């Protein structure tokens, strides 16, 4: 997951040139999370660069989300919507229930903008609500995820995990990735059994 940031949060931007460079070396899913006030401006450049997913913030797209979703899909990317911790979960319901819906909701589990923040477990109520209301929806969590927090996120219903500091700061990143993946898979299997 790559974050593009401009105006929405005070941090550096990773743009289309980086996506384009990465795409030359991988067929992996490149999930772009845009923390910008004008996400429509980034759809075409990111699509041309090779982005797979395009996640925008509901807070920045209240008036043009229908057009944004359509444009994302017409450029061959999967649309997702994100919300900050202080935003009520109900604000994403219309985007999930629309005739032309998003396919993923990203629940921020820290305030967006900087890595290494502490996981906010109270955000799991949002994840549980989404999972109950939309059983097949992809639900992503981002912020403070790692070996000590993955179980609570996975058991709440998150099936897509963004982990930065816990992976890149680990002596054995592959082991952390495996642990995170296994925790999500185990939680999904337990849900199927119930």
N, C-alpha and C. Protein backbone atom coordinates (compact mmCIF):
# COMPACT_ATOMS: atom_id res chain seq x y z
N UNK A 1 0.84 -1.16 0.00
CA UNK A 1 0.00 0.00 0.00
C UNK A 1 0.89 1.23 0.00
N UNK A 2 0.61 2.13 -0.89
CA UNK A 2 1.37 3.37 -0.98
C UNK A 2 0.45 4.52 -0.67
N UNK A 3 0.93 5.48 0.08
CA UNK A 3 0.12 6.64 0.43
C UNK A 3 0.57 7.84 -0.38
N UNK A 4 -0.38 8.47 -1.03
CA UNK A 4 -0.12 9.72 -1.73
C UNK A 4 -0.72 10.81 -0.86
N UNK A 5 0.09 11.77 -0.51
CA UNK A 5 -0.35 12.75 0.45
C UNK A 5 -0.10 14.16 -0.03
N UNK A 6 -1.14 14.97 -0.02
CA UNK A 6 -1.01 16.36 -0.41
C UNK A 6 -2.18 17.11 0.21
N UNK A 7 -1.91 18.01 1.10
CA UNK A 7 -2.90 18.88 1.72
C UNK A 7 -3.70 18.18 2.82
N UNK A 8 -4.04 16.89 2.64
CA UNK A 8 -4.87 16.19 3.60
C UNK A 8 -4.09 15.89 4.87
N UNK A 9 -2.82 15.53 4.69
CA UNK A 9 -1.92 15.28 5.81
C UNK A 9 -0.57 15.94 5.51
N UNK A 10 0.16 16.36 6.54
CA UNK A 10 1.45 17.05 6.32
C UNK A 10 2.60 16.07 6.17
N UNK A 11 2.71 15.42 5.03
CA UNK A 11 3.77 14.45 4.85
C UNK A 11 4.21 14.46 3.40
N UNK A 12 5.22 13.69 3.07
CA UNK A 12 5.76 13.64 1.72
C UNK A 12 4.82 12.86 0.79
N UNK A 13 4.97 13.10 -0.50
CA UNK A 13 4.14 12.45 -1.50
C UNK A 13 4.92 11.36 -2.23
N UNK A 14 4.27 10.24 -2.43
CA UNK A 14 4.76 9.20 -3.33
C UNK A 14 3.80 9.23 -4.49
N UNK A 15 4.29 9.52 -5.67
CA UNK A 15 3.40 9.72 -6.79
C UNK A 15 3.49 8.67 -7.87
N UNK A 16 2.88 8.99 -8.99
CA UNK A 16 2.82 8.09 -10.13
C UNK A 16 4.19 7.61 -10.61
N UNK A 17 5.24 8.44 -10.59
CA UNK A 17 6.55 7.93 -11.03
C UNK A 17 7.05 6.74 -10.21
N UNK A 18 6.77 6.75 -8.91
CA UNK A 18 7.19 5.63 -8.06
C UNK A 18 6.37 4.39 -8.40
N UNK A 19 5.06 4.56 -8.60
CA UNK A 19 4.20 3.44 -8.98
C UNK A 19 4.70 2.84 -10.30
N UNK A 20 4.98 3.72 -11.25
CA UNK A 20 5.45 3.26 -12.56
C UNK A 20 6.76 2.48 -12.42
N UNK A 21 7.66 2.95 -11.58
CA UNK A 21 8.93 2.25 -11.38
C UNK A 21 8.71 0.88 -10.73
N UNK A 22 7.82 0.83 -9.74
CA UNK A 22 7.53 -0.45 -9.09
C UNK A 22 6.88 -1.42 -10.06
N UNK A 23 5.95 -0.93 -10.87
CA UNK A 23 5.22 -1.79 -11.79
C UNK A 23 6.16 -2.50 -12.76
N UNK A 24 7.25 -1.89 -13.10
CA UNK A 24 8.23 -2.51 -14.01
C UNK A 24 8.86 -3.76 -13.41
N UNK A 25 8.79 -3.89 -12.07
CA UNK A 25 9.48 -4.97 -11.39
C UNK A 25 8.56 -5.96 -10.69
N UNK A 26 7.24 -5.75 -10.77
CA UNK A 26 6.34 -6.66 -10.07
C UNK A 26 4.97 -6.70 -10.75
N UNK A 27 4.32 -7.83 -10.56
CA UNK A 27 2.93 -7.97 -10.98
C UNK A 27 2.01 -7.91 -9.76
N UNK A 28 2.59 -7.59 -8.59
CA UNK A 28 1.84 -7.53 -7.34
C UNK A 28 0.74 -6.46 -7.40
N UNK A 29 -0.24 -6.64 -6.55
CA UNK A 29 -1.32 -5.67 -6.42
C UNK A 29 -0.75 -4.41 -5.78
N UNK A 30 -0.86 -3.28 -6.45
CA UNK A 30 -0.37 -2.01 -5.91
C UNK A 30 -1.58 -1.18 -5.48
N UNK A 31 -1.78 -1.15 -4.18
CA UNK A 31 -2.93 -0.50 -3.54
C UNK A 31 -2.51 0.92 -3.17
N UNK A 32 -3.08 1.91 -3.81
CA UNK A 32 -2.72 3.30 -3.56
C UNK A 32 -3.77 3.98 -2.71
N UNK A 33 -3.36 4.45 -1.56
CA UNK A 33 -4.23 5.13 -0.60
C UNK A 33 -3.91 6.62 -0.69
N UNK A 34 -4.86 7.39 -1.22
CA UNK A 34 -4.65 8.81 -1.45
C UNK A 34 -5.22 9.65 -0.31
N UNK A 35 -4.35 10.34 0.38
CA UNK A 35 -4.76 11.25 1.44
C UNK A 35 -4.66 12.66 0.89
N UNK A 36 -5.49 12.93 -0.10
CA UNK A 36 -5.46 14.20 -0.82
C UNK A 36 -6.84 14.82 -0.85
N UNK A 37 -6.87 16.12 -1.07
CA UNK A 37 -8.16 16.82 -1.13
C UNK A 37 -8.79 16.77 -2.52
N UNK A 38 -8.03 16.37 -3.52
CA UNK A 38 -8.53 16.36 -4.90
C UNK A 38 -8.21 15.03 -5.58
N UNK A 39 -8.78 13.92 -5.11
CA UNK A 39 -8.41 12.61 -5.65
C UNK A 39 -8.73 12.43 -7.13
N UNK A 40 -9.73 13.11 -7.66
CA UNK A 40 -10.05 12.99 -9.09
C UNK A 40 -8.84 13.31 -9.97
N UNK A 41 -8.01 14.23 -9.52
CA UNK A 41 -6.84 14.63 -10.30
C UNK A 41 -5.79 13.53 -10.43
N UNK A 42 -5.87 12.50 -9.59
CA UNK A 42 -4.85 11.47 -9.56
C UNK A 42 -5.26 10.17 -10.24
N UNK A 43 -6.51 10.03 -10.63
CA UNK A 43 -6.98 8.77 -11.20
C UNK A 43 -6.21 8.41 -12.46
N UNK A 44 -6.21 9.29 -13.43
CA UNK A 44 -5.56 8.97 -14.70
C UNK A 44 -4.05 8.75 -14.56
N UNK A 45 -3.32 9.62 -13.87
CA UNK A 45 -1.88 9.38 -13.72
C UNK A 45 -1.54 8.05 -13.02
N UNK A 46 -2.31 7.70 -11.99
CA UNK A 46 -2.02 6.45 -11.29
C UNK A 46 -2.40 5.24 -12.12
N UNK A 47 -3.49 5.35 -12.87
CA UNK A 47 -3.87 4.25 -13.75
C UNK A 47 -2.79 4.02 -14.81
N UNK A 48 -2.32 5.09 -15.43
CA UNK A 48 -1.27 4.98 -16.44
C UNK A 48 0.01 4.42 -15.84
N UNK A 49 0.28 4.72 -14.58
CA UNK A 49 1.49 4.24 -13.91
C UNK A 49 1.42 2.76 -13.55
N UNK A 50 0.19 2.21 -13.47
CA UNK A 50 0.04 0.80 -13.16
C UNK A 50 -0.55 0.48 -11.81
N UNK A 51 -1.21 1.44 -11.17
CA UNK A 51 -1.86 1.17 -9.88
C UNK A 51 -2.98 0.15 -10.06
N UNK A 52 -3.15 -0.70 -9.06
CA UNK A 52 -4.20 -1.72 -9.07
C UNK A 52 -5.44 -1.24 -8.33
N UNK A 53 -5.23 -0.61 -7.19
CA UNK A 53 -6.32 -0.12 -6.36
C UNK A 53 -6.15 1.35 -6.07
N UNK A 54 -7.27 2.04 -5.93
CA UNK A 54 -7.27 3.49 -5.71
C UNK A 54 -8.22 3.76 -4.56
N UNK A 55 -7.67 4.08 -3.40
CA UNK A 55 -8.48 4.34 -2.20
C UNK A 55 -8.41 5.81 -1.86
N UNK A 56 -9.59 6.43 -1.75
CA UNK A 56 -9.71 7.86 -1.45
C UNK A 56 -10.41 8.03 -0.11
N UNK A 57 -10.28 9.19 0.47
CA UNK A 57 -10.92 9.47 1.76
C UNK A 57 -12.32 10.03 1.57
N UNK A 58 -13.25 9.47 2.32
CA UNK A 58 -14.64 9.96 2.26
C UNK A 58 -14.71 11.42 2.67
N UNK A 59 -13.83 11.83 3.58
CA UNK A 59 -13.85 13.22 4.07
C UNK A 59 -13.52 14.22 2.96
N UNK A 60 -12.77 13.78 1.96
CA UNK A 60 -12.35 14.68 0.87
C UNK A 60 -13.20 14.53 -0.38
N UNK A 61 -14.19 13.65 -0.34
CA UNK A 61 -14.93 13.33 -1.56
C UNK A 61 -16.45 13.32 -1.35
N UNK A 62 -16.93 14.10 -0.43
CA UNK A 62 -18.35 14.08 -0.10
C UNK A 62 -19.26 14.46 -1.26
N UNK A 63 -18.79 15.33 -2.15
CA UNK A 63 -19.65 15.81 -3.23
C UNK A 63 -19.42 15.14 -4.57
N UNK A 64 -18.31 14.42 -4.73
CA UNK A 64 -18.02 13.86 -6.05
C UNK A 64 -17.67 12.38 -6.04
N UNK A 65 -18.08 11.66 -4.99
CA UNK A 65 -17.68 10.26 -4.88
C UNK A 65 -18.25 9.38 -5.99
N UNK A 66 -19.44 9.66 -6.49
CA UNK A 66 -20.00 8.85 -7.57
C UNK A 66 -19.15 8.98 -8.83
N UNK A 67 -18.80 10.20 -9.18
CA UNK A 67 -17.94 10.44 -10.34
C UNK A 67 -16.57 9.80 -10.14
N UNK A 68 -16.06 9.90 -8.94
CA UNK A 68 -14.74 9.36 -8.62
C UNK A 68 -14.72 7.84 -8.76
N UNK A 69 -15.72 7.16 -8.21
CA UNK A 69 -15.79 5.70 -8.32
C UNK A 69 -15.87 5.28 -9.79
N UNK A 70 -16.71 5.96 -10.55
CA UNK A 70 -16.86 5.64 -11.97
C UNK A 70 -15.54 5.82 -12.71
N UNK A 71 -14.85 6.90 -12.44
CA UNK A 71 -13.59 7.17 -13.12
C UNK A 71 -12.53 6.14 -12.74
N UNK A 72 -12.48 5.76 -11.47
CA UNK A 72 -11.52 4.74 -11.01
C UNK A 72 -11.77 3.43 -11.75
N UNK A 73 -13.03 3.01 -11.78
CA UNK A 73 -13.37 1.75 -12.44
C UNK A 73 -13.12 1.81 -13.94
N UNK A 74 -13.44 2.94 -14.55
CA UNK A 74 -13.25 3.06 -16.01
C UNK A 74 -11.78 3.03 -16.39
N UNK A 75 -10.91 3.28 -15.42
CA UNK A 75 -9.46 3.21 -15.66
C UNK A 75 -8.87 1.88 -15.18
N UNK A 76 -9.74 0.90 -14.90
CA UNK A 76 -9.29 -0.44 -14.59
C UNK A 76 -8.76 -0.68 -13.20
N UNK A 77 -9.09 0.20 -12.27
CA UNK A 77 -8.62 0.02 -10.89
C UNK A 77 -9.79 -0.31 -9.97
N UNK A 78 -9.49 -0.94 -8.83
CA UNK A 78 -10.50 -1.25 -7.82
C UNK A 78 -10.65 -0.04 -6.90
N UNK A 79 -11.88 0.49 -6.76
CA UNK A 79 -12.09 1.64 -5.89
C UNK A 79 -12.30 1.24 -4.43
N UNK A 80 -11.66 2.00 -3.56
CA UNK A 80 -11.86 1.84 -2.13
C UNK A 80 -12.05 3.19 -1.50
N UNK A 81 -12.67 3.19 -0.32
CA UNK A 81 -12.87 4.43 0.42
C UNK A 81 -12.29 4.26 1.81
N UNK A 82 -11.69 5.31 2.31
CA UNK A 82 -11.08 5.30 3.63
C UNK A 82 -11.75 6.34 4.52
N UNK A 83 -11.66 6.11 5.83
CA UNK A 83 -12.15 7.12 6.76
C UNK A 83 -11.21 7.23 7.94
N UNK A 84 -11.09 8.46 8.41
CA UNK A 84 -10.25 8.76 9.56
C UNK A 84 -10.94 8.29 10.84
N UNK A 85 -10.20 8.14 11.94
CA UNK A 85 -10.79 7.65 13.18
C UNK A 85 -11.99 8.46 13.68
N UNK A 86 -12.00 9.75 13.49
CA UNK A 86 -13.10 10.57 13.99
C UNK A 86 -14.34 10.61 13.10
N UNK A 87 -14.28 9.99 11.94
CA UNK A 87 -15.40 10.01 11.01
C UNK A 87 -16.34 8.85 11.31
N UNK A 88 -17.64 9.13 11.46
CA UNK A 88 -18.60 8.04 11.71
C UNK A 88 -18.61 7.03 10.56
N UNK A 89 -18.68 5.76 10.89
CA UNK A 89 -18.67 4.70 9.89
C UNK A 89 -19.84 4.81 8.92
N UNK A 90 -20.94 5.36 9.38
CA UNK A 90 -22.13 5.49 8.54
C UNK A 90 -21.88 6.32 7.28
N UNK A 91 -20.85 7.15 7.31
CA UNK A 91 -20.55 7.99 6.14
C UNK A 91 -20.12 7.19 4.92
N UNK A 92 -19.64 5.95 5.12
CA UNK A 92 -19.25 5.14 3.96
C UNK A 92 -20.37 4.24 3.45
N UNK A 93 -21.43 4.08 4.21
CA UNK A 93 -22.51 3.18 3.79
C UNK A 93 -23.05 3.50 2.40
N UNK A 94 -23.33 4.77 2.08
CA UNK A 94 -23.85 5.05 0.73
C UNK A 94 -22.88 4.64 -0.38
N UNK A 95 -21.58 4.69 -0.11
CA UNK A 95 -20.59 4.34 -1.13
C UNK A 95 -20.52 2.83 -1.34
N UNK A 96 -20.81 2.07 -0.30
CA UNK A 96 -20.81 0.61 -0.39
C UNK A 96 -22.12 0.12 -1.01
N UNK A 97 -23.20 0.85 -0.75
CA UNK A 97 -24.53 0.44 -1.21
C UNK A 97 -24.93 1.06 -2.54
N UNK A 98 -24.09 1.88 -3.11
CA UNK A 98 -24.40 2.57 -4.37
C UNK A 98 -24.59 1.57 -5.51
N UNK A 99 -25.25 2.03 -6.55
CA UNK A 99 -25.40 1.21 -7.76
C UNK A 99 -24.03 0.85 -8.34
N UNK A 100 -23.10 1.75 -8.23
CA UNK A 100 -21.72 1.54 -8.67
C UNK A 100 -20.82 1.72 -7.43
N UNK A 101 -20.69 0.67 -6.62
CA UNK A 101 -20.07 0.83 -5.29
C UNK A 101 -18.55 0.71 -5.27
N UNK A 102 -17.99 1.14 -4.13
CA UNK A 102 -16.60 0.82 -3.82
C UNK A 102 -16.55 -0.67 -3.49
N UNK A 103 -15.37 -1.27 -3.58
CA UNK A 103 -15.24 -2.70 -3.30
C UNK A 103 -14.45 -2.95 -2.01
N UNK A 104 -13.98 -1.87 -1.39
CA UNK A 104 -13.18 -2.00 -0.18
C UNK A 104 -13.36 -0.76 0.68
N UNK A 105 -13.39 -0.97 1.99
CA UNK A 105 -13.40 0.14 2.95
C UNK A 105 -12.16 0.00 3.81
N UNK A 106 -11.42 1.10 3.91
CA UNK A 106 -10.22 1.16 4.74
C UNK A 106 -10.54 1.95 6.00
N UNK A 107 -10.46 1.28 7.13
CA UNK A 107 -10.66 1.91 8.43
C UNK A 107 -9.28 2.28 8.98
N UNK A 108 -9.04 3.58 9.09
CA UNK A 108 -7.76 4.03 9.65
C UNK A 108 -7.76 3.75 11.16
N UNK A 109 -6.71 3.09 11.62
CA UNK A 109 -6.59 2.74 13.03
C UNK A 109 -5.55 3.61 13.74
N UNK A 110 -5.15 4.68 13.04
CA UNK A 110 -4.34 5.77 13.59
C UNK A 110 -4.79 7.03 12.85
N UNK A 111 -4.38 8.18 13.33
CA UNK A 111 -4.64 9.40 12.56
C UNK A 111 -3.69 9.40 11.36
N UNK A 112 -4.20 9.61 10.16
CA UNK A 112 -3.35 9.52 8.98
C UNK A 112 -2.25 10.58 8.95
N UNK A 113 -1.13 10.17 8.36
CA UNK A 113 -0.07 11.12 8.13
C UNK A 113 1.32 10.67 8.50
N UNK A 114 1.44 9.87 9.55
CA UNK A 114 2.78 9.47 9.99
C UNK A 114 2.79 8.02 10.44
N UNK A 115 3.86 7.30 10.11
CA UNK A 115 4.01 5.92 10.52
C UNK A 115 4.42 5.80 11.98
N UNK A 116 4.32 4.58 12.50
CA UNK A 116 4.80 4.29 13.84
C UNK A 116 3.86 4.68 14.96
N UNK A 117 2.61 5.03 14.65
CA UNK A 117 1.67 5.41 15.70
C UNK A 117 1.07 4.18 16.38
N UNK A 118 0.49 4.42 17.55
CA UNK A 118 -0.12 3.34 18.33
C UNK A 118 -1.50 2.99 17.76
N UNK A 119 -1.75 1.71 17.60
CA UNK A 119 -3.02 1.15 17.13
C UNK A 119 -4.17 1.61 18.04
N UNK A 120 -5.28 1.99 17.42
CA UNK A 120 -6.47 2.44 18.16
C UNK A 120 -7.50 1.30 18.17
N UNK A 121 -7.53 0.47 19.22
CA UNK A 121 -8.43 -0.70 19.23
C UNK A 121 -9.91 -0.33 19.15
N UNK A 122 -10.25 0.87 19.56
CA UNK A 122 -11.66 1.29 19.51
C UNK A 122 -12.19 1.37 18.08
N UNK A 123 -11.31 1.40 17.10
CA UNK A 123 -11.73 1.42 15.69
C UNK A 123 -12.28 0.07 15.25
N UNK A 124 -12.04 -0.98 16.06
CA UNK A 124 -12.53 -2.31 15.70
C UNK A 124 -14.05 -2.39 15.74
N UNK A 125 -14.70 -1.49 16.47
CA UNK A 125 -16.17 -1.45 16.43
C UNK A 125 -16.64 -1.12 15.01
N UNK A 126 -15.93 -0.25 14.32
CA UNK A 126 -16.26 0.09 12.93
C UNK A 126 -16.08 -1.13 12.03
N UNK A 127 -14.99 -1.85 12.24
CA UNK A 127 -14.72 -3.05 11.44
C UNK A 127 -15.81 -4.09 11.66
N UNK A 128 -16.16 -4.32 12.93
CA UNK A 128 -17.21 -5.30 13.24
C UNK A 128 -18.54 -4.91 12.61
N UNK A 129 -18.87 -3.62 12.66
CA UNK A 129 -20.11 -3.15 12.06
C UNK A 129 -20.12 -3.38 10.55
N UNK A 130 -19.02 -3.05 9.90
CA UNK A 130 -18.91 -3.27 8.45
C UNK A 130 -19.03 -4.76 8.11
N UNK A 131 -18.33 -5.61 8.85
CA UNK A 131 -18.34 -7.04 8.56
C UNK A 131 -19.74 -7.62 8.73
N UNK A 132 -20.45 -7.17 9.77
CA UNK A 132 -21.82 -7.67 10.00
C UNK A 132 -22.76 -7.20 8.88
N UNK A 133 -22.63 -5.95 8.48
CA UNK A 133 -23.53 -5.36 7.49
C UNK A 133 -23.19 -5.80 6.07
N UNK A 134 -21.90 -6.01 5.79
CA UNK A 134 -21.43 -6.35 4.44
C UNK A 134 -20.48 -7.55 4.51
N UNK A 135 -21.00 -8.77 4.64
CA UNK A 135 -20.15 -9.95 4.87
C UNK A 135 -19.08 -10.20 3.81
N UNK A 136 -19.30 -9.81 2.56
CA UNK A 136 -18.32 -10.11 1.52
C UNK A 136 -17.42 -8.92 1.15
N UNK A 137 -17.59 -7.81 1.82
CA UNK A 137 -16.80 -6.61 1.55
C UNK A 137 -15.34 -6.80 1.99
N UNK A 138 -14.40 -6.30 1.19
CA UNK A 138 -13.02 -6.24 1.65
C UNK A 138 -12.91 -5.10 2.65
N UNK A 139 -12.39 -5.42 3.83
CA UNK A 139 -12.22 -4.43 4.89
C UNK A 139 -10.74 -4.39 5.25
N UNK A 140 -10.16 -3.21 5.05
CA UNK A 140 -8.73 -3.01 5.28
C UNK A 140 -8.55 -2.16 6.54
N UNK A 141 -7.48 -2.43 7.27
CA UNK A 141 -7.11 -1.60 8.41
C UNK A 141 -5.68 -1.13 8.21
N UNK A 142 -5.42 0.09 8.65
CA UNK A 142 -4.11 0.71 8.43
C UNK A 142 -3.74 1.54 9.64
N UNK A 143 -2.62 1.18 10.27
CA UNK A 143 -2.09 1.97 11.36
C UNK A 143 -1.85 1.16 12.61
N UNK A 144 -0.60 0.99 12.97
CA UNK A 144 -0.25 0.30 14.20
C UNK A 144 -0.46 -1.20 14.16
N UNK A 145 -0.57 -1.78 12.96
CA UNK A 145 -0.79 -3.22 12.84
C UNK A 145 0.54 -3.96 12.90
N UNK A 146 0.54 -5.03 13.68
CA UNK A 146 1.74 -5.85 13.83
C UNK A 146 1.40 -7.09 14.63
N UNK A 147 2.39 -7.85 15.05
CA UNK A 147 2.15 -9.09 15.77
C UNK A 147 1.29 -8.94 17.03
N UNK A 148 1.38 -7.81 17.72
CA UNK A 148 0.62 -7.64 18.96
C UNK A 148 -0.80 -7.12 18.74
N UNK A 149 -1.14 -6.69 17.52
CA UNK A 149 -2.47 -6.13 17.26
C UNK A 149 -3.25 -6.86 16.17
N UNK A 150 -2.61 -7.77 15.46
CA UNK A 150 -3.27 -8.42 14.33
C UNK A 150 -4.46 -9.27 14.74
N UNK A 151 -4.37 -9.96 15.85
CA UNK A 151 -5.47 -10.84 16.26
C UNK A 151 -6.77 -10.07 16.46
N UNK A 152 -6.69 -8.92 17.12
CA UNK A 152 -7.91 -8.15 17.36
C UNK A 152 -8.49 -7.62 16.06
N UNK A 153 -7.64 -7.21 15.13
CA UNK A 153 -8.11 -6.70 13.84
C UNK A 153 -8.71 -7.83 13.00
N UNK A 154 -8.03 -8.94 12.93
CA UNK A 154 -8.51 -10.07 12.13
C UNK A 154 -9.81 -10.63 12.70
N UNK A 155 -9.89 -10.78 14.01
CA UNK A 155 -11.11 -11.33 14.61
C UNK A 155 -12.29 -10.36 14.50
N UNK A 156 -12.02 -9.07 14.36
CA UNK A 156 -13.09 -8.09 14.16
C UNK A 156 -13.66 -8.16 12.74
N UNK A 157 -12.87 -8.73 11.81
CA UNK A 157 -13.36 -8.88 10.45
C UNK A 157 -12.51 -8.25 9.37
N UNK A 158 -11.37 -7.67 9.74
CA UNK A 158 -10.48 -7.10 8.73
C UNK A 158 -9.82 -8.23 7.94
N UNK A 159 -9.86 -8.13 6.61
CA UNK A 159 -9.24 -9.16 5.78
C UNK A 159 -8.10 -8.60 4.91
N UNK A 160 -7.85 -7.31 5.00
CA UNK A 160 -6.73 -6.66 4.30
C UNK A 160 -5.96 -5.85 5.34
N UNK A 161 -4.68 -6.10 5.45
CA UNK A 161 -3.88 -5.49 6.50
C UNK A 161 -2.77 -4.65 5.89
N UNK A 162 -2.63 -3.42 6.37
CA UNK A 162 -1.51 -2.56 5.98
C UNK A 162 -0.57 -2.51 7.18
N UNK A 163 0.64 -2.95 6.97
CA UNK A 163 1.63 -2.95 8.06
C UNK A 163 2.93 -2.38 7.52
N UNK A 164 3.35 -1.27 8.06
CA UNK A 164 4.58 -0.62 7.62
C UNK A 164 5.69 -0.83 8.61
N UNK A 165 5.65 -0.10 9.71
CA UNK A 165 6.73 -0.13 10.69
C UNK A 165 6.99 -1.52 11.24
N UNK A 166 5.92 -2.29 11.48
CA UNK A 166 6.11 -3.62 12.06
C UNK A 166 6.79 -4.58 11.10
N UNK A 167 6.66 -4.36 9.81
CA UNK A 167 7.33 -5.21 8.81
C UNK A 167 8.73 -4.68 8.52
N UNK A 168 8.81 -3.41 8.15
CA UNK A 168 10.09 -2.86 7.71
C UNK A 168 11.06 -2.63 8.85
N UNK A 169 10.56 -2.60 10.09
CA UNK A 169 11.43 -2.45 11.24
C UNK A 169 11.80 -3.76 11.90
N UNK A 170 11.29 -4.87 11.36
CA UNK A 170 11.54 -6.18 11.96
C UNK A 170 12.86 -6.76 11.46
N UNK A 171 13.55 -7.51 12.33
CA UNK A 171 14.77 -8.18 11.89
C UNK A 171 14.49 -9.21 10.79
N UNK A 172 13.30 -9.82 10.83
CA UNK A 172 12.89 -10.82 9.85
C UNK A 172 11.53 -10.43 9.28
N UNK A 173 11.48 -9.51 8.33
CA UNK A 173 10.20 -9.04 7.79
C UNK A 173 9.31 -10.17 7.26
N UNK A 174 9.89 -11.17 6.63
CA UNK A 174 9.09 -12.27 6.08
C UNK A 174 8.33 -13.02 7.17
N UNK A 175 8.91 -13.14 8.34
CA UNK A 175 8.23 -13.81 9.45
C UNK A 175 7.03 -13.00 9.92
N UNK A 176 7.18 -11.69 9.97
CA UNK A 176 6.07 -10.82 10.38
C UNK A 176 4.94 -10.89 9.35
N UNK A 177 5.29 -10.84 8.08
CA UNK A 177 4.28 -10.93 7.02
C UNK A 177 3.54 -12.26 7.13
N UNK A 178 4.25 -13.33 7.34
CA UNK A 178 3.64 -14.65 7.47
C UNK A 178 2.69 -14.70 8.67
N UNK A 179 3.12 -14.15 9.79
CA UNK A 179 2.27 -14.12 10.99
C UNK A 179 0.99 -13.33 10.72
N UNK A 180 1.11 -12.18 10.10
CA UNK A 180 -0.06 -11.35 9.80
C UNK A 180 -1.01 -12.10 8.86
N UNK A 181 -0.47 -12.66 7.81
CA UNK A 181 -1.28 -13.40 6.83
C UNK A 181 -1.99 -14.58 7.49
N UNK A 182 -1.25 -15.35 8.28
CA UNK A 182 -1.83 -16.52 8.94
C UNK A 182 -2.93 -16.13 9.92
N UNK A 183 -2.77 -15.02 10.61
CA UNK A 183 -3.79 -14.57 11.56
C UNK A 183 -5.09 -14.22 10.84
N UNK A 184 -4.98 -13.54 9.70
CA UNK A 184 -6.18 -13.18 8.93
C UNK A 184 -6.85 -14.44 8.39
N UNK A 185 -6.06 -15.35 7.83
CA UNK A 185 -6.62 -16.58 7.28
C UNK A 185 -7.31 -17.41 8.36
N UNK A 186 -6.72 -17.50 9.52
CA UNK A 186 -7.30 -18.25 10.64
C UNK A 186 -8.63 -17.62 11.06
N UNK A 187 -8.68 -16.31 11.17
CA UNK A 187 -9.91 -15.61 11.57
C UNK A 187 -11.00 -15.82 10.52
N UNK A 188 -10.65 -15.81 9.25
CA UNK A 188 -11.63 -16.02 8.18
C UNK A 188 -12.18 -17.44 8.22
N UNK A 189 -11.33 -18.42 8.49
CA UNK A 189 -11.77 -19.79 8.59
C UNK A 189 -12.71 -19.99 9.77
N UNK A 190 -12.41 -19.34 10.89
CA UNK A 190 -13.27 -19.45 12.06
C UNK A 190 -14.64 -18.82 11.79
N UNK A 191 -14.67 -17.75 11.02
CA UNK A 191 -15.93 -17.11 10.66
C UNK A 191 -16.78 -18.04 9.80
N UNK A 192 -16.15 -18.77 8.88
CA UNK A 192 -16.87 -19.72 8.03
C UNK A 192 -17.47 -20.86 8.82
N UNK A 193 -16.77 -21.28 9.88
CA UNK A 193 -17.24 -22.38 10.71
C UNK A 193 -18.46 -21.97 11.53
N UNK A 194 -18.50 -20.71 11.95
CA UNK A 194 -19.59 -20.23 12.83
C UNK A 194 -20.85 -20.11 12.09
